[in-house]
């Protein structure tokens, strides 16, 4: 690869930063939930956490081989990288895991 002036190149993205007051927001939310639980006498079996995540049908590689001094690097895909499906996972407060959707 050195002889042909090539190198492994990686696709990079900028990650999202967590807010500075994350711990305070978490504590405030937990206090709110616990207050409502006591106020309405909810059982822990009725409180859950549900998360939905998109999963792509096309998972292109993040690496490719390109010239050393290239300013931008193209990653070849099938063109369907925006086509995805959603996976929903749910966990109850008492530890019960519900079937995925």
Protein backbone atom coordinates (compact mmCIF):
# COMPACT_ATOMS: atom_id res chain seq x y z
CA UNK A 1 0.00 0.00 0.00
CA UNK A 2 2.92 2.36 0.67
CA UNK A 3 4.29 1.71 -2.79
CA UNK A 4 0.95 2.77 -4.36
CA UNK A 5 0.49 5.72 -1.92
CA UNK A 6 -2.68 4.21 -0.39
CA UNK A 7 -4.01 4.01 3.17
CA UNK A 8 -6.99 2.73 5.12
CA UNK A 9 -9.48 5.58 5.51
CA UNK A 10 -12.34 5.77 8.00
CA UNK A 11 -15.73 7.44 7.76
CA UNK A 12 -16.08 9.81 10.71
CA UNK A 13 -19.03 11.62 12.23
CA UNK A 14 -19.41 14.14 15.02
CA UNK A 15 -21.04 12.60 18.08
CA UNK A 16 -23.69 14.37 20.11
CA UNK A 17 -22.51 15.84 23.42
CA UNK A 18 -24.35 15.14 26.66
CA UNK A 19 -25.81 18.21 28.41
CA UNK A 20 -23.85 19.67 31.34
CA UNK A 21 -26.83 19.33 33.70
CA UNK A 22 -27.52 15.68 32.84
CA UNK A 23 -27.39 14.41 36.44
CA UNK A 24 -29.78 17.13 37.64
CA UNK A 25 -32.23 16.32 34.85
CA UNK A 26 -32.08 12.62 35.67
CA UNK A 27 -32.72 13.27 39.36
CA UNK A 28 -35.58 15.67 38.58
CA UNK A 29 -37.24 13.10 36.30
CA UNK A 30 -36.80 10.31 38.86
CA UNK A 31 -38.31 12.50 41.60
CA UNK A 32 -41.28 13.30 39.35
CA UNK A 33 -41.90 9.61 38.57
CA UNK A 34 -41.60 8.57 42.20
CA UNK A 35 -44.00 11.37 43.26
CA UNK A 36 -46.59 10.25 40.69
CA UNK A 37 -46.14 6.61 41.72
CA UNK A 38 -46.91 7.48 45.35
CA UNK A 39 -49.70 9.89 44.40
CA UNK A 40 -51.61 7.37 42.25
CA UNK A 41 -50.43 4.19 44.06
CA UNK A 42 -48.91 2.55 40.95
CA UNK A 43 -47.38 -0.88 41.28
CA UNK A 44 -43.82 -1.27 39.97
CA UNK A 45 -45.19 -3.89 37.55
CA UNK A 46 -46.98 -1.09 35.64
CA UNK A 47 -43.93 1.15 35.14
CA UNK A 48 -41.66 0.39 32.19
CA UNK A 49 -38.94 1.77 29.96
CA UNK A 50 -39.55 1.49 26.22
CA UNK A 51 -36.88 2.28 23.64
CA UNK A 52 -37.20 2.23 19.88
CA UNK A 53 -34.14 2.08 17.66
CA UNK A 54 -33.95 2.25 13.87
CA UNK A 55 -31.81 -0.48 12.31
CA UNK A 56 -30.65 -0.10 8.72
CA UNK A 57 -31.09 -2.84 6.12
CA UNK A 58 -27.83 -1.70 4.49
CA UNK A 59 -24.87 -1.51 6.87
CA UNK A 60 -22.04 -0.01 4.81
CA UNK A 61 -18.49 -0.42 6.00
CA UNK A 62 -16.87 2.56 7.74
CA UNK A 63 -13.49 1.88 6.13
CA UNK A 64 -12.16 1.99 2.60
CA UNK A 65 -8.81 2.27 0.85
CA UNK A 66 -7.98 5.59 -0.81
CA UNK A 67 -5.03 7.84 -1.63
CA UNK A 68 -3.07 9.32 1.28
CA UNK A 69 -3.72 13.01 0.48
CA UNK A 70 -7.41 12.73 -0.46
CA UNK A 71 -9.53 15.45 1.23
CA UNK A 72 -12.80 13.54 1.00
CA UNK A 73 -13.35 9.82 0.88
CA UNK A 74 -16.37 8.15 -0.73
CA UNK A 75 -17.83 5.03 0.84
CA UNK A 76 -19.60 2.76 -1.64
CA UNK A 77 -23.08 1.62 -0.63
CA UNK A 78 -26.04 -0.11 -2.22
CA UNK A 79 -28.03 3.13 -2.11
CA UNK A 80 -30.50 1.81 0.48
CA UNK A 81 -28.76 3.10 3.61
CA UNK A 82 -31.84 5.16 4.55
CA UNK A 83 -34.20 2.16 4.37
CA UNK A 84 -34.57 0.81 7.89
CA UNK A 85 -36.86 -0.94 10.33
CA UNK A 86 -37.58 -0.12 13.97
CA UNK A 87 -36.89 -2.43 16.90
CA UNK A 88 -38.83 -1.73 20.11
CA UNK A 89 -37.48 -3.11 23.40
CA UNK A 90 -39.31 -2.80 26.72
CA UNK A 91 -38.21 -3.54 30.28
CA UNK A 92 -40.45 -3.30 33.35
CA UNK A 93 -39.19 -1.77 36.61
CA UNK A 94 -39.53 -5.13 38.37
CA UNK A 95 -37.03 -6.62 35.85
CA UNK A 96 -39.49 -8.31 33.45
CA UNK A 97 -38.46 -8.05 29.80
CA UNK A 98 -41.34 -7.86 27.34
CA UNK A 99 -41.11 -9.50 23.88
CA UNK A 100 -39.49 -7.29 21.23
CA UNK A 101 -41.58 -5.64 18.52
